[in-house]
C-alpha cells in the first residue's frame, strides 16, 4: 500500500520542468503544452503507461497530474 502511495507522490517530479521557464511561476500561464514534461507527446507517453500492469500506478499518477493541471488552465483569467 505504501509503495503505491510513494509512486503516486513521485509523479509530482514532472513539475521540475517549471524551473526551465522564465519566470518559474506565472499565474497566467497554462503549463499544458508549455513545459516539456507537460507537452502533448509527454501526455501521450503517460497515457501509454496506463496499459502495462507494471507501470499502471505511475501512469495513473501522471495522468491525474496532467488532468489537474488542465483543470487549473480552465480557471486562468
N, C-alpha and C. Protein backbone atom coordinates (compact mmCIF):
# COMPACT_ATOMS: atom_id res chain seq x y z
N UNK A 1 0.82 -1.19 0.00
CA UNK A 1 0.00 0.00 0.00
C UNK A 1 0.87 1.26 0.00
N UNK A 2 1.90 1.29 0.85
CA UNK A 2 2.78 2.46 0.90
C UNK A 2 3.53 2.64 -0.41
N UNK A 3 3.83 1.54 -1.06
CA UNK A 3 4.55 1.61 -2.34
C UNK A 3 3.73 2.39 -3.37
N UNK A 4 2.43 2.11 -3.43
CA UNK A 4 1.56 2.82 -4.36
C UNK A 4 1.46 4.30 -4.01
N UNK A 5 1.40 4.58 -2.73
CA UNK A 5 1.36 5.97 -2.27
C UNK A 5 2.60 6.73 -2.73
N UNK A 6 3.77 6.14 -2.51
CA UNK A 6 5.01 6.82 -2.90
C UNK A 6 5.16 6.91 -4.42
N UNK A 7 4.66 5.94 -5.15
CA UNK A 7 4.68 6.04 -6.61
C UNK A 7 3.80 7.19 -7.08
N UNK A 8 2.63 7.34 -6.47
CA UNK A 8 1.73 8.44 -6.82
C UNK A 8 2.37 9.79 -6.49
N UNK A 9 2.95 9.91 -5.32
CA UNK A 9 3.59 11.16 -4.91
C UNK A 9 4.79 11.47 -5.80
N UNK A 10 5.53 10.44 -6.21
CA UNK A 10 6.73 10.65 -7.02
C UNK A 10 6.40 11.20 -8.41
N UNK A 11 5.17 11.07 -8.85
CA UNK A 11 4.81 11.60 -10.16
C UNK A 11 4.82 13.13 -10.17
N UNK A 12 4.88 13.75 -9.02
CA UNK A 12 4.95 15.21 -8.94
C UNK A 12 6.30 15.72 -9.46
N UNK A 13 7.26 14.81 -9.65
CA UNK A 13 8.59 15.21 -10.12
C UNK A 13 8.53 15.85 -11.51
N UNK A 14 7.47 15.61 -12.26
CA UNK A 14 7.39 16.22 -13.59
C UNK A 14 7.23 17.73 -13.50
N UNK A 15 6.96 18.26 -12.32
CA UNK A 15 6.88 19.72 -12.17
C UNK A 15 8.25 20.38 -12.14
N UNK A 16 9.32 19.59 -12.11
CA UNK A 16 10.66 20.19 -12.14
C UNK A 16 10.94 20.90 -13.46
N UNK A 17 10.16 20.59 -14.49
CA UNK A 17 10.38 21.29 -15.76
C UNK A 17 9.95 22.75 -15.68
N UNK A 18 9.26 23.13 -14.62
CA UNK A 18 8.90 24.54 -14.43
C UNK A 18 10.15 25.39 -14.20
N UNK A 19 11.21 24.78 -13.69
CA UNK A 19 12.45 25.52 -13.46
C UNK A 19 13.15 25.90 -14.75
N UNK A 20 12.73 25.33 -15.88
CA UNK A 20 13.30 25.69 -17.17
C UNK A 20 12.66 26.96 -17.75
N UNK A 21 11.54 27.38 -17.17
CA UNK A 21 10.82 28.54 -17.68
C UNK A 21 11.28 29.81 -16.97
N UNK A 22 11.08 30.92 -17.63
CA UNK A 22 11.38 32.21 -17.02
C UNK A 22 10.17 33.11 -17.20
N UNK A 23 9.53 33.53 -16.17
CA UNK A 23 9.75 33.22 -14.75
C UNK A 23 9.31 31.79 -14.44
N UNK A 24 9.80 31.28 -13.32
CA UNK A 24 9.49 29.91 -12.93
C UNK A 24 7.99 29.74 -12.74
N UNK A 25 7.34 30.70 -12.10
CA UNK A 25 5.90 30.63 -11.90
C UNK A 25 5.25 31.86 -12.50
N UNK A 26 4.24 31.64 -13.29
CA UNK A 26 3.44 32.72 -13.86
C UNK A 26 1.99 32.30 -13.73
N UNK A 27 1.24 33.03 -12.94
CA UNK A 27 -0.14 32.63 -12.66
C UNK A 27 -1.04 32.70 -13.88
N UNK A 28 -0.61 33.39 -14.93
CA UNK A 28 -1.44 33.49 -16.13
C UNK A 28 -0.97 32.56 -17.25
N UNK A 29 -0.11 31.60 -16.91
CA UNK A 29 0.41 30.67 -17.92
C UNK A 29 -0.12 29.26 -17.66
N UNK A 30 -0.60 28.64 -18.70
CA UNK A 30 -1.06 27.25 -18.63
C UNK A 30 0.16 26.34 -18.85
N UNK A 31 0.38 25.41 -17.94
CA UNK A 31 1.55 24.55 -18.07
C UNK A 31 1.38 23.49 -19.15
N UNK A 32 0.15 23.14 -19.49
CA UNK A 32 -0.10 22.15 -20.54
C UNK A 32 0.34 22.72 -21.88
N UNK A 33 1.26 22.03 -22.52
CA UNK A 33 1.75 22.48 -23.81
C UNK A 33 2.87 23.50 -23.74
N UNK A 34 3.17 24.01 -22.54
CA UNK A 34 4.24 25.00 -22.40
C UNK A 34 5.53 24.35 -21.91
N UNK A 35 5.44 23.55 -20.89
CA UNK A 35 6.62 22.89 -20.32
C UNK A 35 6.87 21.55 -21.02
N UNK A 36 8.14 21.14 -21.14
CA UNK A 36 8.45 19.91 -21.87
C UNK A 36 7.76 18.65 -21.33
N UNK A 37 7.69 18.50 -20.02
CA UNK A 37 7.06 17.32 -19.45
C UNK A 37 5.54 17.46 -19.35
N UNK A 38 5.01 18.55 -19.86
CA UNK A 38 3.57 18.77 -19.94
C UNK A 38 3.14 18.93 -21.40
N UNK A 39 3.98 18.46 -22.31
CA UNK A 39 3.68 18.58 -23.75
C UNK A 39 2.74 17.46 -24.19
N UNK A 40 2.22 17.60 -25.39
CA UNK A 40 1.30 16.61 -25.92
C UNK A 40 1.97 15.24 -26.07
N UNK A 41 3.23 15.24 -26.49
CA UNK A 41 3.96 13.97 -26.65
C UNK A 41 4.15 13.30 -25.29
N UNK A 42 4.52 14.08 -24.28
CA UNK A 42 4.70 13.52 -22.94
C UNK A 42 3.38 12.98 -22.40
N UNK A 43 2.29 13.70 -22.65
CA UNK A 43 0.97 13.25 -22.18
C UNK A 43 0.60 11.93 -22.84
N UNK A 44 0.94 11.77 -24.12
CA UNK A 44 0.69 10.51 -24.82
C UNK A 44 1.49 9.37 -24.17
N UNK A 45 2.74 9.64 -23.82
CA UNK A 45 3.56 8.63 -23.14
C UNK A 45 2.93 8.26 -21.80
N UNK A 46 2.45 9.26 -21.05
CA UNK A 46 1.81 8.98 -19.76
C UNK A 46 0.57 8.11 -19.94
N UNK A 47 -0.18 8.36 -21.01
CA UNK A 47 -1.37 7.55 -21.28
C UNK A 47 -0.98 6.12 -21.63
N UNK A 48 0.11 5.95 -22.37
CA UNK A 48 0.57 4.60 -22.73
C UNK A 48 1.02 3.84 -21.48
N UNK A 49 1.53 4.55 -20.48
CA UNK A 49 1.94 3.90 -19.24
C UNK A 49 0.77 3.26 -18.49
N UNK A 50 -0.44 3.63 -18.85
CA UNK A 50 -1.62 3.04 -18.22
C UNK A 50 -1.86 1.60 -18.67
N UNK A 51 -1.28 1.22 -19.80
CA UNK A 51 -1.58 -0.09 -20.40
C UNK A 51 -0.84 -1.25 -19.69
N UNK A 52 0.50 -1.20 -19.58
CA UNK A 52 1.17 -2.33 -18.90
C UNK A 52 0.86 -2.33 -17.39
N UNK A 53 0.67 -3.50 -16.87
CA UNK A 53 0.34 -3.64 -15.44
C UNK A 53 1.43 -3.07 -14.53
N UNK A 54 2.70 -3.23 -14.93
CA UNK A 54 3.82 -2.79 -14.08
C UNK A 54 3.92 -1.27 -13.98
N UNK A 55 3.44 -0.54 -14.99
CA UNK A 55 3.57 0.93 -14.97
C UNK A 55 2.23 1.63 -14.75
N UNK A 56 1.19 0.87 -14.50
CA UNK A 56 -0.16 1.45 -14.41
C UNK A 56 -0.30 2.45 -13.27
N UNK A 57 0.25 2.15 -12.09
CA UNK A 57 0.11 3.06 -10.95
C UNK A 57 0.81 4.39 -11.24
N UNK A 58 2.00 4.33 -11.82
CA UNK A 58 2.72 5.54 -12.20
C UNK A 58 1.95 6.28 -13.28
N UNK A 59 1.42 5.57 -14.24
CA UNK A 59 0.62 6.19 -15.30
C UNK A 59 -0.60 6.90 -14.75
N UNK A 60 -1.26 6.28 -13.79
CA UNK A 60 -2.43 6.91 -13.17
C UNK A 60 -2.02 8.21 -12.48
N UNK A 61 -0.90 8.19 -11.78
CA UNK A 61 -0.43 9.40 -11.11
C UNK A 61 -0.10 10.51 -12.10
N UNK A 62 0.57 10.15 -13.20
CA UNK A 62 0.94 11.16 -14.19
C UNK A 62 -0.27 11.72 -14.93
N UNK A 63 -1.19 10.85 -15.29
CA UNK A 63 -2.40 11.32 -15.98
C UNK A 63 -3.25 12.18 -15.05
N UNK A 64 -3.33 11.79 -13.79
CA UNK A 64 -4.06 12.60 -12.81
C UNK A 64 -3.40 13.96 -12.63
N UNK A 65 -2.09 13.99 -12.61
CA UNK A 65 -1.35 15.25 -12.50
C UNK A 65 -1.68 16.16 -13.69
N UNK A 66 -1.62 15.61 -14.88
CA UNK A 66 -1.94 16.39 -16.08
C UNK A 66 -3.39 16.84 -16.07
N UNK A 67 -4.29 15.98 -15.61
CA UNK A 67 -5.71 16.33 -15.53
C UNK A 67 -5.93 17.51 -14.59
N UNK A 68 -5.27 17.49 -13.43
CA UNK A 68 -5.45 18.61 -12.50
C UNK A 68 -4.82 19.89 -13.04
N UNK A 69 -3.70 19.76 -13.77
CA UNK A 69 -3.11 20.94 -14.41
C UNK A 69 -4.05 21.49 -15.48
N UNK A 70 -4.72 20.61 -16.21
CA UNK A 70 -5.67 21.05 -17.24
C UNK A 70 -6.86 21.77 -16.61
N UNK A 71 -7.33 21.28 -15.47
CA UNK A 71 -8.41 21.97 -14.77
C UNK A 71 -7.95 23.35 -14.34
N UNK A 72 -6.71 23.44 -13.86
CA UNK A 72 -6.15 24.73 -13.46
C UNK A 72 -6.11 25.69 -14.64
N UNK A 73 -5.83 25.18 -15.83
CA UNK A 73 -5.79 26.02 -17.03
C UNK A 73 -7.17 26.62 -17.36
N UNK A 74 -8.21 25.91 -16.99
CA UNK A 74 -9.56 26.41 -17.26
C UNK A 74 -9.89 27.66 -16.45
N UNK A 75 -9.21 27.83 -15.32
CA UNK A 75 -9.51 28.95 -14.42
C UNK A 75 -8.55 30.12 -14.58
N UNK A 76 -7.66 30.07 -15.55
CA UNK A 76 -6.73 31.18 -15.80
C UNK A 76 -7.49 32.32 -16.44
N UNK A 77 -7.30 33.48 -15.88
CA UNK A 77 -8.00 34.67 -16.40
C UNK A 77 -7.11 35.40 -17.38
